Amino acid sequence: MRAGRLGDAEMLYDLSEADFSPSNLWADDRSWVLCTDYDLWATKVVGSPALINALLNDSEIEALRLPWAHV
């Protein structure tokens, strides 16, 4: 486990001692969590409706709502 700022998370992907990229990133206040597969073919985000809507409506992010998470 490592702690840090979200803006610094990119450097976690280039650590020489790590075999894979981080699989979970949590906000310190536990208001959201990001889970990614080890080969990065899919990423899941759980958070507030406002966060999810922002991701779904961002023109640069390919996102969809999973059927089991539909509100």
C-alpha atoms as a PDB file:
ATOM      1  CA  MET A   1       0.000   0.000   0.000  1.00  0.00           C
ATOM      2  CA  ARG A   2       1.173   3.489  -0.819  1.00  0.00           C
ATOM      3  CA  ALA A   3      -0.233   6.894   0.009  1.00  0.00           C
ATOM      4  CA  GLY A   4      -0.025  10.064  -2.012  1.00  0.00           C
ATOM      5  CA  ARG A   5      -1.819  12.695  -4.012  1.00  0.00           C
ATOM      6  CA  LEU A   6      -4.020  11.788  -6.970  1.00  0.00           C
ATOM      7  CA  GLY A   7      -2.033  14.153  -9.171  1.00  0.00           C
ATOM      8  CA  ASP A   8       1.082  12.100  -8.444  1.00  0.00           C
ATOM      9  CA  ALA A   9      -0.512   8.706  -9.205  1.00  0.00           C
ATOM     10  CA  GLU A  10       0.983   8.524 -12.703  1.00  0.00           C
ATOM     11  CA  MET A  11       4.439   7.884 -11.263  1.00  0.00           C
ATOM     12  CA  LEU A  12       3.101   4.693  -9.596  1.00  0.00           C
ATOM     13  CA  TYR A  13       2.809   3.137 -13.056  1.00  0.00           C
ATOM     14  CA  ASP A  14       6.533   3.412 -13.739  1.00  0.00           C
ATOM     15  CA  LEU A  15       7.986   1.974 -10.529  1.00  0.00           C
ATOM     16  CA  SER A  16      10.756  -0.480 -11.322  1.00  0.00           C
ATOM     17  CA  GLU A  17      10.046  -2.612  -8.238  1.00  0.00           C
ATOM     18  CA  ALA A  18       6.359  -3.086  -9.168  1.00  0.00           C
ATOM     19  CA  ASP A  19       5.327  -5.964 -11.440  1.00  0.00           C
ATOM     20  CA  PHE A  20       1.954  -4.443 -12.305  1.00  0.00           C
ATOM     21  CA  SER A  21       0.170  -1.131 -12.226  1.00  0.00           C
ATOM     22  CA  PRO A  22      -1.856  -0.188  -9.138  1.00  0.00           C
ATOM     23  CA  SER A  23      -5.102  -2.111  -8.987  1.00  0.00           C
ATOM     24  CA  ASN A  24      -6.976   0.165  -6.593  1.00  0.00           C
ATOM     25  CA  LEU A  25      -6.860   3.878  -5.879  1.00  0.00           C
ATOM     26  CA  TRP A  26      -8.988   5.194  -3.005  1.00  0.00           C
ATOM     27  CA  ALA A  27      -9.731   8.726  -1.970  1.00  0.00           C
ATOM     28  CA  ASP A  28      -8.504   9.459   1.548  1.00  0.00           C
ATOM     29  CA  ASP A  29     -12.095  10.156   2.615  1.00  0.00           C
ATOM     30  CA  ARG A  30     -13.262   6.939   0.856  1.00  0.00           C
ATOM     31  CA  SER A  31     -15.712   8.944  -1.301  1.00  0.00           C
ATOM     32  CA  TRP A  32     -14.599   7.105  -4.467  1.00  0.00           C
ATOM     33  CA  VAL A  33     -12.562   4.120  -5.544  1.00  0.00           C
ATOM     34  CA  LEU A  34     -10.937   3.254  -8.860  1.00  0.00           C
ATOM     35  CA  CYS A  35     -10.275  -0.416  -9.672  1.00  0.00           C
ATOM     36  CA  THR A  36      -8.341  -1.434 -12.754  1.00  0.00           C
ATOM     37  CA  ASP A  37      -7.480  -4.812 -14.202  1.00  0.00           C
ATOM     38  CA  TYR A  38      -3.767  -5.657 -14.160  1.00  0.00           C
ATOM     39  CA  ASP A  39      -3.546  -5.441 -17.935  1.00  0.00           C
ATOM     40  CA  LEU A  40      -5.574  -2.204 -18.030  1.00  0.00           C
ATOM     41  CA  TRP A  41      -8.276  -3.471 -20.395  1.00  0.00           C
ATOM     42  CA  ALA A  42     -10.961  -2.135 -18.066  1.00  0.00           C
ATOM     43  CA  THR A  43     -11.271   0.295 -15.197  1.00  0.00           C
ATOM     44  CA  LYS A  44     -14.188   0.637 -12.801  1.00  0.00           C
ATOM     45  CA  VAL A  45     -15.009   3.718 -10.735  1.00  0.00           C
ATOM     46  CA  VAL A  46     -17.432   3.874  -7.832  1.00  0.00           C
ATOM     47  CA  GLY A  47     -18.350   7.245  -6.407  1.00  0.00           C
ATOM     48  CA  SER A  48     -21.002   9.883  -6.049  1.00  0.00           C
ATOM     49  CA  PRO A  49     -23.638  10.362  -8.758  1.00  0.00           C
ATOM     50  CA  ALA A  50     -21.974  13.704  -9.617  1.00  0.00           C
ATOM     51  CA  LEU A  51     -18.594  12.009 -10.177  1.00  0.00           C
ATOM     52  CA  ILE A  52     -20.089   9.250 -12.302  1.00  0.00           C
ATOM     53  CA  ASN A  53     -22.092  11.733 -14.397  1.00  0.00           C
ATOM     54  CA  ALA A  54     -18.971  13.852 -14.921  1.00  0.00           C
ATOM     55  CA  LEU A  55     -17.104  10.791 -16.218  1.00  0.00           C
ATOM     56  CA  LEU A  56     -19.997   9.706 -18.441  1.00  0.00           C
ATOM     57  CA  ASN A  57     -20.327  13.207 -19.918  1.00  0.00           C
ATOM     58  CA  ASP A  58     -16.597  13.850 -20.463  1.00  0.00           C
ATOM     59  CA  SER A  59     -15.888  13.902 -24.209  1.00  0.00           C
ATOM     60  CA  GLU A  60     -12.323  12.603 -23.733  1.00  0.00           C
ATOM     61  CA  ILE A  61     -13.204   9.595 -21.557  1.00  0.00           C
ATOM     62  CA  GLU A  62     -14.768   6.431 -22.912  1.00  0.00           C
ATOM     63  CA  ALA A  63     -17.189   5.455 -20.157  1.00  0.00           C
ATOM     64  CA  LEU A  64     -20.362   3.484 -19.704  1.00  0.00           C
ATOM     65  CA  ARG A  65     -22.566   2.640 -16.783  1.00  0.00           C
ATOM     66  CA  LEU A  66     -22.543  -1.036 -15.910  1.00  0.00           C
ATOM     67  CA  PRO A  67     -26.046  -2.551 -15.834  1.00  0.00           C
ATOM     68  CA  TRP A  68     -25.742  -3.691 -12.208  1.00  0.00           C
ATOM     69  CA  ALA A  69     -24.738  -0.187 -11.140  1.00  0.00           C
ATOM     70  CA  HIS A  70     -27.594   1.622 -12.868  1.00  0.00           C
ATOM     71  CA  VAL A  71     -29.348   4.084 -10.583  1.00  0.00           C
END
